[in-house]
Amino acid sequence: LSQQKSEYNKIHEELNLTKEEFSAYERRDIKLREEIKHLKAQKKKLDTKIKTETKKEGDAITKGTEAEESIPGFEEQTQELAEKKAEEDEKLEAIFEKMKGVTDKLRVDLEKKTQ
């Protein structure tokens, strides 16, 4: 009887250790499953972000290329406008010179009257 009791105690202790080990493995399994779930969600987010950023990069390259191609046209337009401005400045200067002659005459008349 004492031998059976000692065997029972030994088996009971072994069972308790096995239960504790199994619980530890089960907790670790749950932790790893949650970690895998989290990593899958994170990967999905990163894949989406990569796709979005790749599209933005393509759009930026396209816009950059279009901008580079439009530079010569803008330079030509700037040159034309600068030439037109120079012509208009000459016309304006001519108008000022005409007005200067008229205003000088009026100024002289005004000075004569105020003295």
PDB file of N, CA and C in Angstrom:
ATOM      1  N   LEU A   1       0.824  -1.209   0.000  1.00  0.00           N
ATOM      2  CA  LEU A   1       0.000   0.000   0.000  1.00  0.00           C
ATOM      3  C   LEU A   1       0.860   1.262   0.000  1.00  0.00           C
ATOM      4  N   SER A   2       1.902   1.245   0.777  1.00  0.00           N
ATOM      5  CA  SER A   2       2.782   2.414   0.807  1.00  0.00           C
ATOM      6  C   SER A   2       3.510   2.584  -0.520  1.00  0.00           C
ATOM      7  N   GLN A   3       3.770   1.460  -1.163  1.00  0.00           N
ATOM      8  CA  GLN A   3       4.414   1.537  -2.471  1.00  0.00           C
ATOM      9  C   GLN A   3       3.450   2.146  -3.485  1.00  0.00           C
ATOM     10  N   GLN A   4       2.175   1.778  -3.422  1.00  0.00           N
ATOM     11  CA  GLN A   4       1.167   2.331  -4.332  1.00  0.00           C
ATOM     12  C   GLN A   4       0.982   3.817  -4.056  1.00  0.00           C
ATOM     13  N   LYS A   5       1.008   4.184  -2.805  1.00  0.00           N
ATOM     14  CA  LYS A   5       0.843   5.586  -2.435  1.00  0.00           C
ATOM     15  C   LYS A   5       2.029   6.407  -2.934  1.00  0.00           C
ATOM     16  N   SER A   6       3.225   5.896  -2.817  1.00  0.00           N
ATOM     17  CA  SER A   6       4.390   6.632  -3.297  1.00  0.00           C
ATOM     18  C   SER A   6       4.376   6.733  -4.827  1.00  0.00           C
ATOM     19  N   GLU A   7       3.918   5.652  -5.499  1.00  0.00           N
ATOM     20  CA  GLU A   7       3.787   5.710  -6.960  1.00  0.00           C
ATOM     21  C   GLU A   7       2.724   6.732  -7.362  1.00  0.00           C
ATOM     22  N   TYR A   8       1.619   6.713  -6.593  1.00  0.00           N
ATOM     23  CA  TYR A   8       0.532   7.676  -6.860  1.00  0.00           C
ATOM     24  C   TYR A   8       1.052   9.108  -6.696  1.00  0.00           C
ATOM     25  N   ASN A   9       1.765   9.370  -5.621  1.00  0.00           N
ATOM     26  CA  ASN A   9       2.305  10.716  -5.370  1.00  0.00           C
ATOM     27  C   ASN A   9       3.285  11.119  -6.476  1.00  0.00           C
ATOM     28  N   LYS A  10       4.100  10.165  -6.900  1.00  0.00           N
ATOM     29  CA  LYS A  10       5.072  10.432  -7.961  1.00  0.00           C
ATOM     30  C   LYS A  10       4.344  10.767  -9.267  1.00  0.00           C
ATOM     31  N   ILE A  11       3.353   9.976  -9.614  1.00  0.00           N
ATOM     32  CA  ILE A  11       2.582  10.207 -10.845  1.00  0.00           C
ATOM     33  C   ILE A  11       1.796  11.515 -10.743  1.00  0.00           C
ATOM     34  N   HIS A  12       1.229  11.760  -9.561  1.00  0.00           N
ATOM     35  CA  HIS A  12       0.468  13.003  -9.345  1.00  0.00           C
ATOM     36  C   HIS A  12       1.378  14.232  -9.502  1.00  0.00           C
ATOM     37  N   GLU A  13       2.573  14.150  -8.969  1.00  0.00           N
ATOM     38  CA  GLU A  13       3.541  15.257  -9.093  1.00  0.00           C
ATOM     39  C   GLU A  13       3.953  15.456 -10.550  1.00  0.00           C
ATOM     40  N   GLU A  14       4.180  14.337 -11.232  1.00  0.00           N
ATOM     41  CA  GLU A  14       4.542  14.394 -12.643  1.00  0.00           C
ATOM     42  C   GLU A  14       3.404  15.006 -13.471  1.00  0.00           C
ATOM     43  N   LEU A  15       2.171  14.652 -13.131  1.00  0.00           N
ATOM     44  CA  LEU A  15       0.997  15.202 -13.806  1.00  0.00           C
ATOM     45  C   LEU A  15       0.915  16.715 -13.583  1.00  0.00           C
ATOM     46  N   ASN A  16       1.131  17.160 -12.371  1.00  0.00           N
ATOM     47  CA  ASN A  16       1.105  18.598 -12.074  1.00  0.00           C
ATOM     48  C   ASN A  16       2.188  19.355 -12.851  1.00  0.00           C
ATOM     49  N   LEU A  17       3.394  18.775 -12.904  1.00  0.00           N
ATOM     50  CA  LEU A  17       4.477  19.403 -13.684  1.00  0.00           C
ATOM     51  C   LEU A  17       4.114  19.469 -15.160  1.00  0.00           C
ATOM     52  N   THR A  18       3.546  18.393 -15.663  1.00  0.00           N
ATOM     53  CA  THR A  18       3.140  18.349 -17.069  1.00  0.00           C
ATOM     54  C   THR A  18       2.065  19.399 -17.347  1.00  0.00           C
ATOM     55  N   LYS A  19       1.107  19.543 -16.418  1.00  0.00           N
ATOM     56  CA  LYS A  19       0.056  20.556 -16.574  1.00  0.00           C
ATOM     57  C   LYS A  19       0.666  21.962 -16.600  1.00  0.00           C
ATOM     58  N   GLU A  20       1.605  22.224 -15.719  1.00  0.00           N
ATOM     59  CA  GLU A  20       2.261  23.538 -15.684  1.00  0.00           C
ATOM     60  C   GLU A  20       3.014  23.801 -16.979  1.00  0.00           C
ATOM     61  N   GLU A  21       3.749  22.769 -17.450  1.00  0.00           N
ATOM     62  CA  GLU A  21       4.478  22.915 -18.716  1.00  0.00           C
ATOM     63  C   GLU A  21       3.518  23.168 -19.872  1.00  0.00           C
ATOM     64  N   PHE A  22       2.420  22.409 -19.885  1.00  0.00           N
ATOM     65  CA  PHE A  22       1.435  22.577 -20.955  1.00  0.00           C
ATOM     66  C   PHE A  22       0.839  23.980 -20.907  1.00  0.00           C
ATOM     67  N   SER A  23       0.537  24.481 -19.721  1.00  0.00           N
ATOM     68  CA  SER A  23      -0.010  25.843 -19.578  1.00  0.00           C
ATOM     69  C   SER A  23       0.989  26.869 -20.094  1.00  0.00           C
ATOM     70  N   ALA A  24       2.263  26.670 -19.779  1.00  0.00           N
ATOM     71  CA  ALA A  24       3.306  27.591 -20.252  1.00  0.00           C
ATOM     72  C   ALA A  24       3.379  27.554 -21.775  1.00  0.00           C
ATOM     73  N   TYR A  25       3.352  26.348 -22.353  1.00  0.00           N
ATOM     74  CA  TYR A  25       3.377  26.227 -23.814  1.00  0.00           C
ATOM     75  C   TYR A  25       2.131  26.859 -24.437  1.00  0.00           C
ATOM     76  N   GLU A  26       1.000  26.662 -23.798  1.00  0.00           N
ATOM     77  CA  GLU A  26      -0.239  27.232 -24.312  1.00  0.00           C
ATOM     78  C   GLU A  26      -0.180  28.764 -24.297  1.00  0.00           C
ATOM     79  N   ARG A  27       0.323  29.343 -23.186  1.00  0.00           N
ATOM     80  CA  ARG A  27       0.470  30.806 -23.118  1.00  0.00           C
ATOM     81  C   ARG A  27       1.428  31.299 -24.202  1.00  0.00           C
ATOM     82  N   ARG A  28       2.519  30.583 -24.395  1.00  0.00           N
ATOM     83  CA  ARG A  28       3.494  30.962 -25.424  1.00  0.00           C
ATOM     84  C   ARG A  28       2.865  30.867 -26.815  1.00  0.00           C
ATOM     85  N   ASP A  29       2.075  29.814 -27.028  1.00  0.00           N
ATOM     86  CA  ASP A  29       1.391  29.632 -28.313  1.00  0.00           C
ATOM     87  C   ASP A  29       0.448  30.810 -28.591  1.00  0.00           C
ATOM     88  N   ILE A  30      -0.328  31.192 -27.574  1.00  0.00           N
ATOM     89  CA  ILE A  30      -1.260  32.318 -27.730  1.00  0.00           C
ATOM     90  C   ILE A  30      -0.488  33.599 -28.030  1.00  0.00           C
ATOM     91  N   LYS A  31       0.602  33.817 -27.297  1.00  0.00           N
ATOM     92  CA  LYS A  31       1.427  35.011 -27.508  1.00  0.00           C
ATOM     93  C   LYS A  31       1.974  35.041 -28.934  1.00  0.00           C
ATOM     94  N   LEU A  32       2.491  33.894 -29.390  1.00  0.00           N
ATOM     95  CA  LEU A  32       3.052  33.836 -30.747  1.00  0.00           C
ATOM     96  C   LEU A  32       1.975  34.023 -31.813  1.00  0.00           C
ATOM     97  N   ARG A  33       0.795  33.466 -31.591  1.00  0.00           N
ATOM     98  CA  ARG A  33      -0.303  33.660 -32.546  1.00  0.00           C
ATOM     99  C   ARG A  33      -0.698  35.131 -32.639  1.00  0.00           C
ATOM    100  N   GLU A  34      -0.765  35.808 -31.488  1.00  0.00           N
ATOM    101  CA  GLU A  34      -1.094  37.232 -31.477  1.00  0.00           C
ATOM    102  C   GLU A  34      -0.008  38.042 -32.184  1.00  0.00           C
ATOM    103  N   GLU A  35       1.237  37.648 -31.948  1.00  0.00           N
ATOM    104  CA  GLU A  35       2.353  38.339 -32.598  1.00  0.00           C
ATOM    105  C   GLU A  35       2.295  38.149 -34.112  1.00  0.00           C
ATOM    106  N   ILE A  36       1.988  36.931 -34.553  1.00  0.00           N
ATOM    107  CA  ILE A  36       1.853  36.653 -35.994  1.00  0.00           C
ATOM    108  C   ILE A  36       0.718  37.489 -36.577  1.00  0.00           C
ATOM    109  N   LYS A  37      -0.393  37.545 -35.867  1.00  0.00           N
ATOM    110  CA  LYS A  37      -1.551  38.330 -36.314  1.00  0.00           C
ATOM    111  C   LYS A  37      -1.161  39.805 -36.449  1.00  0.00           C
ATOM    112  N   HIS A  38      -0.459  40.313 -35.443  1.00  0.00           N
ATOM    113  CA  HIS A  38      -0.014  41.716 -35.457  1.00  0.00           C
ATOM    114  C   HIS A  38       0.948  41.963 -36.626  1.00  0.00           C
ATOM    115  N   LEU A  39       1.886  41.038 -36.834  1.00  0.00           N
ATOM    116  CA  LEU A  39       2.863  41.209 -37.916  1.00  0.00           C
ATOM    117  C   LEU A  39       2.190  41.150 -39.288  1.00  0.00           C
ATOM    118  N   LYS A  40       1.187  40.291 -39.426  1.00  0.00           N
ATOM    119  CA  LYS A  40       0.454  40.231 -40.697  1.00  0.00           C
ATOM    120  C   LYS A  40      -0.269  41.549 -40.972  1.00  0.00           C
ATOM    121  N   ALA A  41      -0.895  42.114 -39.929  1.00  0.00           N
ATOM    122  CA  ALA A  41      -1.593  43.400 -40.086  1.00  0.00           C
ATOM    123  C   ALA A  41      -0.590  44.497 -40.418  1.00  0.00           C
ATOM    124  N   GLN A  42       0.556  44.477 -39.753  1.00  0.00           N
ATOM    125  CA  GLN A  42       1.586  45.484 -40.008  1.00  0.00           C
ATOM    126  C   GLN A  42       2.116  45.350 -41.436  1.00  0.00           C
ATOM    127  N   LYS A  43       2.314  44.120 -41.894  1.00  0.00           N
ATOM    128  CA  LYS A  43       2.785  43.889 -43.261  1.00  0.00           C
ATOM    129  C   LYS A  43       1.769  44.424 -44.274  1.00  0.00           C
ATOM    130  N   LYS A  44       0.497  44.173 -43.998  1.00  0.00           N
ATOM    131  CA  LYS A  44      -0.556  44.643 -44.898  1.00  0.00           C
ATOM    132  C   LYS A  44      -0.532  46.170 -44.989  1.00  0.00           C
ATOM    133  N   LYS A  45      -0.378  46.839 -43.833  1.00  0.00           N
ATOM    134  CA  LYS A  45      -0.313  48.304 -43.819  1.00  0.00           C
ATOM    135  C   LYS A  45       0.890  48.795 -44.610  1.00  0.00           C
ATOM    136  N   LEU A  46       2.036  48.144 -44.407  1.00  0.00           N
ATOM    137  CA  LEU A  46       3.249  48.558 -45.105  1.00  0.00           C
ATOM    138  C   LEU A  46       3.131  48.321 -46.614  1.00  0.00           C
ATOM    139  N   ASP A  47       2.517  47.203 -46.992  1.00  0.00           N
ATOM    140  CA  ASP A  47       2.311  46.943 -48.421  1.00  0.00           C
ATOM    141  C   ASP A  47       1.434  48.017 -49.045  1.00  0.00           C
ATOM    142  N   THR A  48       0.381  48.411 -48.326  1.00  0.00           N
ATOM    143  CA  THR A  48      -0.503  49.469 -48.811  1.00  0.00           C
ATOM    144  C   THR A  48       0.261  50.786 -48.929  1.00  0.00           C
ATOM    145  N   LYS A  49       1.076  51.074 -47.925  1.00  0.00           N
ATOM    146  CA  LYS A  49       1.855  52.316 -47.937  1.00  0.00           C
ATOM    147  C   LYS A  49       2.865  52.305 -49.087  1.00  0.00           C
ATOM    148  N   ILE A  50       3.499  51.170 -49.320  1.00  0.00           N
ATOM    149  CA  ILE A  50       4.452  51.061 -50.431  1.00  0.00           C
ATOM    150  C   ILE A  50       3.741  51.320 -51.747  1.00  0.00           C
ATOM    151  N   LYS A  51       2.563  50.743 -51.911  1.00  0.00           N
ATOM    152  CA  LYS A  51       1.791  50.920 -53.140  1.00  0.00           C
ATOM    153  C   LYS A  51       1.449  52.399 -53.333  1.00  0.00           C
ATOM    154  N   THR A  52       0.998  53.052 -52.251  1.00  0.00           N
ATOM    155  CA  THR A  52       0.636  54.470 -52.310  1.00  0.00           C
ATOM    156  C   THR A  52       1.855  55.332 -52.639  1.00  0.00           C
ATOM    157  N   GLU A  53       2.956  55.072 -51.948  1.00  0.00           N
ATOM    158  CA  GLU A  53       4.166  55.873 -52.158  1.00  0.00           C
ATOM    159  C   GLU A  53       4.742  55.646 -53.553  1.00  0.00           C
ATOM    160  N   THR A  54       4.630  54.425 -54.061  1.00  0.00           N
ATOM    161  CA  THR A  54       5.107  54.139 -55.412  1.00  0.00           C
ATOM    162  C   THR A  54       4.294  54.928 -56.433  1.00  0.00           C
ATOM    163  N   LYS A  55       2.981  54.997 -56.205  1.00  0.00           N
ATOM    164  CA  LYS A  55       2.117  55.769 -57.105  1.00  0.00           C
ATOM    165  C   LYS A  55       2.484  57.246 -57.028  1.00  0.00           C
ATOM    166  N   LYS A  56       2.705  57.753 -55.804  1.00  0.00           N
ATOM    167  CA  LYS A  56       3.098  59.155 -55.646  1.00  0.00           C
ATOM    168  C   LYS A  56       4.416  59.430 -56.357  1.00  0.00           C
ATOM    169  N   GLU A  57       5.345  58.482 -56.245  1.00  0.00           N
ATOM    170  CA  GLU A  57       6.645  58.649 -56.900  1.00  0.00           C
ATOM    171  C   GLU A  57       6.458  58.740 -58.416  1.00  0.00           C
ATOM    172  N   GLY A  58       5.633  57.854 -58.959  1.00  0.00           N
ATOM    173  CA  GLY A  58       5.371  57.880 -60.398  1.00  0.00           C
ATOM    174  C   GLY A  58       4.745  59.193 -60.834  1.00  0.00           C
ATOM    175  N   ASP A  59       3.776  59.667 -60.039  1.00  0.00           N
ATOM    176  CA  ASP A  59       3.131  60.948 -60.354  1.00  0.00           C
ATOM    177  C   ASP A  59       4.137  62.090 -60.298  1.00  0.00           C
ATOM    178  N   ALA A  60       5.009  62.068 -59.290  1.00  0.00           N
ATOM    179  CA  ALA A  60       6.003  63.130 -59.143  1.00  0.00           C
ATOM    180  C   ALA A  60       6.992  63.117 -60.309  1.00  0.00           C
ATOM    181  N   ILE A  61       7.389  61.938 -60.729  1.00  0.00           N
ATOM    182  CA  ILE A  61       8.317  61.826 -61.867  1.00  0.00           C
ATOM    183  C   ILE A  61       7.646  62.366 -63.125  1.00  0.00           C
ATOM    184  N   THR A  62       6.373  62.012 -63.316  1.00  0.00           N
ATOM    185  CA  THR A  62       5.636  62.498 -64.486  1.00  0.00           C
ATOM    186  C   THR A  62       5.542  64.022 -64.467  1.00  0.00           C
ATOM    187  N   LYS A  63       5.173  64.577 -63.310  1.00  0.00           N
ATOM    188  CA  LYS A  63       5.065  66.029 -63.191  1.00  0.00           C
ATOM    189  C   LYS A  63       6.416  66.702 -63.411  1.00  0.00           C
ATOM    190  N   GLY A  64       7.475  66.098 -62.879  1.00  0.00           N
ATOM    191  CA  GLY A  64       8.820  66.648 -63.055  1.00  0.00           C
ATOM    192  C   GLY A  64       9.220  66.660 -64.521  1.00  0.00           C
ATOM    193  N   THR A  65       8.924  65.584 -65.214  1.00  0.00           N
ATOM    194  CA  THR A  65       9.242  65.495 -66.639  1.00  0.00           C
ATOM    195  C   THR A  65       8.465  66.547 -67.425  1.00  0.00           C
ATOM    196  N   GLU A  66       7.175  66.672 -67.103  1.00  0.00           N
ATOM    197  CA  GLU A  66       6.349  67.678 -67.781  1.00  0.00           C
ATOM    198  C   GLU A  66       6.880  69.078 -67.512  1.00  0.00           C
ATOM    199  N   ALA A  67       7.303  69.335 -66.272  1.00  0.00           N
ATOM    200  CA  ALA A  67       7.836  70.660 -65.925  1.00  0.00           C
ATOM    201  C   ALA A  67       9.127  70.933 -66.691  1.00  0.00           C
ATOM    202  N   GLU A  68      10.002  69.926 -66.765  1.00  0.00           N
ATOM    203  CA  GLU A  68      11.253  70.100 -67.509  1.00  0.00           C
ATOM    204  C   GLU A  68      10.983  70.372 -68.991  1.00  0.00           C
ATOM    205  N   GLU A  69       9.987  69.691 -69.544  1.00  0.00           N
ATOM    206  CA  GLU A  69       9.659  69.878 -70.948  1.00  0.00           C
ATOM    207  C   GLU A  69       9.058  71.254 -71.219  1.00  0.00           C
ATOM    208  N   SER A  70       8.398  71.839 -70.219  1.00  0.00           N
ATOM    209  CA  SER A  70       7.762  73.134 -70.426  1.00  0.00           C
ATOM    210  C   SER A  70       8.726  74.308 -70.211  1.00  0.00           C
ATOM    211  N   ILE A  71       9.908  74.055 -69.670  1.00  0.00           N
ATOM    212  CA  ILE A  71      10.870  75.133 -69.388  1.00  0.00           C
ATOM    213  C   ILE A  71      11.245  75.917 -70.644  1.00  0.00           C
ATOM    214  N   PRO A  72      11.625  75.271 -71.745  1.00  0.00           N
ATOM    215  CA  PRO A  72      11.992  76.057 -72.933  1.00  0.00           C
ATOM    216  C   PRO A  72      10.865  76.983 -73.418  1.00  0.00           C
ATOM    217  N   GLY A  73       9.635  76.512 -73.344  1.00  0.00           N
ATOM    218  CA  GLY A  73       8.492  77.341 -73.743  1.00  0.00           C
ATOM    219  C   GLY A  73       8.363  78.563 -72.851  1.00  0.00           C
ATOM    220  N   PHE A  74       8.546  78.350 -71.553  1.00  0.00           N
ATOM    221  CA  PHE A  74       8.461  79.482 -70.619  1.00  0.00           C
ATOM    222  C   PHE A  74       9.623  80.449 -70.815  1.00  0.00           C
ATOM    223  N   GLU A  75      10.803  79.919 -71.110  1.00  0.00           N
ATOM    224  CA  GLU A  75      11.955  80.797 -71.361  1.00  0.00           C
ATOM    225  C   GLU A  75      11.704  81.651 -72.604  1.00  0.00           C
ATOM    226  N   GLU A  76      11.158  81.033 -73.629  1.00  0.00           N
ATOM    227  CA  GLU A  76      10.844  81.764 -74.864  1.00  0.00           C
ATOM    228  C   GLU A  76       9.787  82.829 -74.582  1.00  0.00           C
ATOM    229  N   GLN A  77       8.763  82.447 -73.830  1.00  0.00           N
ATOM    230  CA  GLN A  77       7.694  83.385 -73.482  1.00  0.00           C
ATOM    231  C   GLN A  77       8.250  84.545 -72.653  1.00  0.00           C
ATOM    232  N   THR A  78       9.159  84.245 -71.730  1.00  0.00           N
ATOM    233  CA  THR A  78       9.781  85.287 -70.908  1.00  0.00           C
ATOM    234  C   THR A  78      10.567  86.252 -71.784  1.00  0.00           C
ATOM    235  N   GLN A  79      11.307  85.712 -72.743  1.00  0.00           N
ATOM    236  CA  GLN A  79      12.090  86.553 -73.657  1.00  0.00           C
ATOM    237  C   GLN A  79      11.166  87.468 -74.464  1.00  0.00           C
ATOM    238  N   GLU A  80      10.084  86.906 -74.996  1.00  0.00           N
ATOM    239  CA  GLU A  80       9.131  87.701 -75.769  1.00  0.00           C
ATOM    240  C   GLU A  80       8.514  88.805 -74.916  1.00  0.00           C
ATOM    241  N   LEU A  81       8.140  88.457 -73.698  1.00  0.00           N
ATOM    242  CA  LEU A  81       7.537  89.451 -72.813  1.00  0.00           C
ATOM    243  C   LEU A  81       8.546  90.530 -72.420  1.00  0.00           C
ATOM    244  N   ALA A  82       9.809  90.143 -72.234  1.00  0.00           N
ATOM    245  CA  ALA A  82      10.840  91.136 -71.907  1.00  0.00           C
ATOM    246  C   ALA A  82      11.015  92.115 -73.075  1.00  0.00           C
ATOM    247  N   GLU A  83      11.001  91.580 -74.292  1.00  0.00           N
ATOM    248  CA  GLU A  83      11.120  92.443 -75.478  1.00  0.00           C
ATOM    249  C   GLU A  83       9.913  93.373 -75.581  1.00  0.00           C
ATOM    250  N   LYS A  84       8.732  92.827 -75.353  1.00  0.00           N
ATOM    251  CA  LYS A  84       7.513  93.637 -75.418  1.00  0.00           C
ATOM    252  C   LYS A  84       7.538  94.715 -74.339  1.00  0.00           C
ATOM    253  N   LYS A  85       8.038  94.383 -73.158  1.00  0.00           N
ATOM    254  CA  LYS A  85       8.132  95.354 -72.071  1.00  0.00           C
ATOM    255  C   LYS A  85       9.083  96.484 -72.467  1.00  0.00           C
ATOM    256  N   ALA A  86      10.207  96.111 -73.082  1.00  0.00           N
ATOM    257  CA  ALA A  86      11.170  97.136 -73.517  1.00  0.00           C
ATOM    258  C   ALA A  86      10.503  98.089 -74.525  1.00  0.00           C
ATOM    259  N   GLU A  87       9.736  97.528 -75.454  1.00  0.00           N
ATOM    260  CA  GLU A  87       9.029  98.373 -76.438  1.00  0.00           C
ATOM    261  C   GLU A  87       8.034  99.299 -75.739  1.00  0.00           C
ATOM    262  N   GLU A  88       7.286  98.735 -74.796  1.00  0.00           N
ATOM    263  CA  GLU A  88       6.288  99.529 -74.085  1.00  0.00           C
ATOM    264  C   GLU A  88       6.958 100.599 -73.212  1.00  0.00           C
ATOM    265  N   ASP A  89       8.117 100.266 -72.647  1.00  0.00           N
ATOM    266  CA  ASP A  89       8.866 101.257 -71.865  1.00  0.00           C
ATOM    267  C   ASP A  89       9.311 102.422 -72.751  1.00  0.00           C
ATOM    268  N   GLU A  90       9.743 102.094 -73.984  1.00  0.00           N
ATOM    269  CA  GLU A  90      10.142 103.152 -74.920  1.00  0.00           C
ATOM    270  C   GLU A  90       8.940 104.044 -75.254  1.00  0.00           C
ATOM    271  N   LYS A  91       7.786 103.428 -75.491  1.00  0.00           N
ATOM    272  CA  LYS A  91       6.581 104.209 -75.782  1.00  0.00           C
ATOM    273  C   LYS A  91       6.220 105.099 -74.599  1.00  0.00           C
ATOM    274  N   LEU A  92       6.310 104.536 -73.405  1.00  0.00           N
ATOM    275  CA  LEU A  92       5.993 105.284 -72.194  1.00  0.00           C
ATOM    276  C   LEU A  92       6.963 106.455 -72.023  1.00  0.00           C
ATOM    277  N   GLU A  93       8.229 106.205 -72.289  1.00  0.00           N
ATOM    278  CA  GLU A  93       9.232 107.276 -72.189  1.00  0.00           C
ATOM    279  C   GLU A  93       8.929 108.386 -73.189  1.00  0.00           C
ATOM    280  N   ALA A  94       8.496 107.997 -74.393  1.00  0.00           N
ATOM    281  CA  ALA A  94       8.145 108.999 -75.407  1.00  0.00           C
ATOM    282  C   ALA A  94       6.947 109.828 -74.931  1.00  0.00           C
ATOM    283  N   ILE A  95       5.972 109.168 -74.335  1.00  0.00           N
ATOM    284  CA  ILE A  95       4.801 109.880 -73.807  1.00  0.00           C
ATOM    285  C   ILE A  95       5.231 110.839 -72.695  1.00  0.00           C
ATOM    286  N   PHE A  96       6.124 110.386 -71.821  1.00  0.00           N
ATOM    287  CA  PHE A  96       6.622 111.250 -70.742  1.00  0.00           C
ATOM    288  C   PHE A  96       7.337 112.477 -71.313  1.00  0.00           C
ATOM    289  N   GLU A  97       8.115 112.243 -72.353  1.00  0.00           N
ATOM    290  CA  GLU A  97       8.838 113.366 -72.973  1.00  0.00           C
ATOM    291  C   GLU A  97       7.844 114.383 -73.563  1.00  0.00           C
ATOM    292  N   LYS A  98       6.786 113.873 -74.227  1.00  0.00           N
ATOM    293  CA  LYS A  98       5.755 114.777 -74.769  1.00  0.00           C
ATOM    294  C   LYS A  98       5.102 115.559 -73.640  1.00  0.00           C
ATOM    295  N   MET A  99       4.758 114.832 -72.592  1.00  0.00           N
ATOM    296  CA  MET A  99       4.082 115.466 -71.466  1.00  0.00           C
ATOM    297  C   MET A  99       5.006 116.460 -70.768  1.00  0.00           C
ATOM    298  N   LYS A 100       6.285 116.163 -70.763  1.00  0.00           N
ATOM    299  CA  LYS A 100       7.244 117.033 -70.122  1.00  0.00           C
ATOM    300  C   LYS A 100       7.264 118.398 -70.823  1.00  0.00           C
ATOM    301  N   GLY A 101       7.206 118.341 -72.130  1.00  0.00           N
ATOM    302  CA  GLY A 101       7.174 119.601 -72.897  1.00  0.00           C
ATOM    303  C   GLY A 101       5.927 120.408 -72.543  1.00  0.00           C
ATOM    304  N   VAL A 102       4.782 119.742 -72.475  1.00  0.00           N
ATOM    305  CA  VAL A 102       3.528 120.435 -72.156  1.00  0.00           C
ATOM    306  C   VAL A 102       3.560 120.938 -70.726  1.00  0.00           C
ATOM    307  N   THR A 103       4.004 120.107 -69.805  1.00  0.00           N
ATOM    308  CA  THR A 103       3.997 120.504 -68.391  1.00  0.00           C
ATOM    309  C   THR A 103       5.028 121.580 -68.107  1.00  0.00           C
ATOM    310  N   ASP A 104       6.146 121.566 -68.817  1.00  0.00           N
ATOM    311  CA  ASP A 104       7.146 122.637 -68.630  1.00  0.00           C
ATOM    312  C   ASP A 104       6.534 123.984 -68.994  1.00  0.00           C
ATOM    313  N   LYS A 105       5.819 123.994 -70.095  1.00  0.00           N
ATOM    314  CA  LYS A 105       5.174 125.236 -70.537  1.00  0.00           C
ATOM    315  C   LYS A 105       4.152 125.692 -69.495  1.00  0.00           C
ATOM    316  N   LEU A 106       3.355 124.737 -68.974  1.00  0.00           N
ATOM    317  CA  LEU A 106       2.362 125.078 -67.967  1.00  0.00           C
ATOM    318  C   LEU A 106       3.038 125.529 -66.664  1.00  0.00           C
ATOM    319  N   ARG A 107       4.127 124.906 -66.320  1.00  0.00           N
ATOM    320  CA  ARG A 107       4.839 125.255 -65.101  1.00  0.00           C
ATOM    321  C   ARG A 107       5.380 126.682 -65.181  1.00  0.00           C
ATOM    322  N   VAL A 108       5.927 127.008 -66.338  1.00  0.00           N
ATOM    323  CA  VAL A 108       6.449 128.375 -66.528  1.00  0.00           C
ATOM    324  C   VAL A 108       5.298 129.372 -66.397  1.00  0.00           C
ATOM    325  N   ASP A 109       4.163 129.074 -67.024  1.00  0.00           N
ATOM    326  CA  ASP A 109       3.003 129.965 -66.926  1.00  0.00           C
ATOM    327  C   ASP A 109       2.544 130.094 -65.473  1.00  0.00           C
ATOM    328  N   LEU A 110       2.523 129.002 -64.746  1.00  0.00           N
ATOM    329  CA  LEU A 110       2.114 128.997 -63.346  1.00  0.00           C
ATOM    330  C   LEU A 110       3.059 129.839 -62.497  1.00  0.00           C
ATOM    331  N   GLU A 111       4.350 129.711 -62.730  1.00  0.00           N
ATOM    332  CA  GLU A 111       5.336 130.485 -61.972  1.00  0.00           C
ATOM    333  C   GLU A 111       5.178 131.974 -62.245  1.00  0.00           C
ATOM    334  N   LYS A 112       4.882 132.305 -63.492  1.00  0.00           N
ATOM    335  CA  LYS A 112       4.691 133.722 -63.832  1.00  0.00           C
ATOM    336  C   LYS A 112       3.495 134.289 -63.093  1.00  0.00           C
ATOM    337  N   LYS A 113       2.433 133.489 -63.004  1.00  0.00           N
ATOM    338  CA  LYS A 113       1.214 133.967 -62.361  1.00  0.00           C
ATOM    339  C   LYS A 113       1.356 134.041 -60.845  1.00  0.00           C
ATOM    340  N   THR A 114       2.145 133.162 -60.266  1.00  0.00           N
ATOM    341  CA  THR A 114       2.283 133.159 -58.801  1.00  0.00           C
ATOM    342  C   THR A 114       3.292 134.217 -58.331  1.00  0.00           C
ATOM    343  N   GLN A 115       4.075 134.782 -59.217  1.00  0.00           N
ATOM    344  CA  GLN A 115       5.055 135.784 -58.782  1.00  0.00           C
ATOM    345  C   GLN A 115       4.523 137.157 -58.867  1.00  0.00           C
TER     346      GLN A 115
END
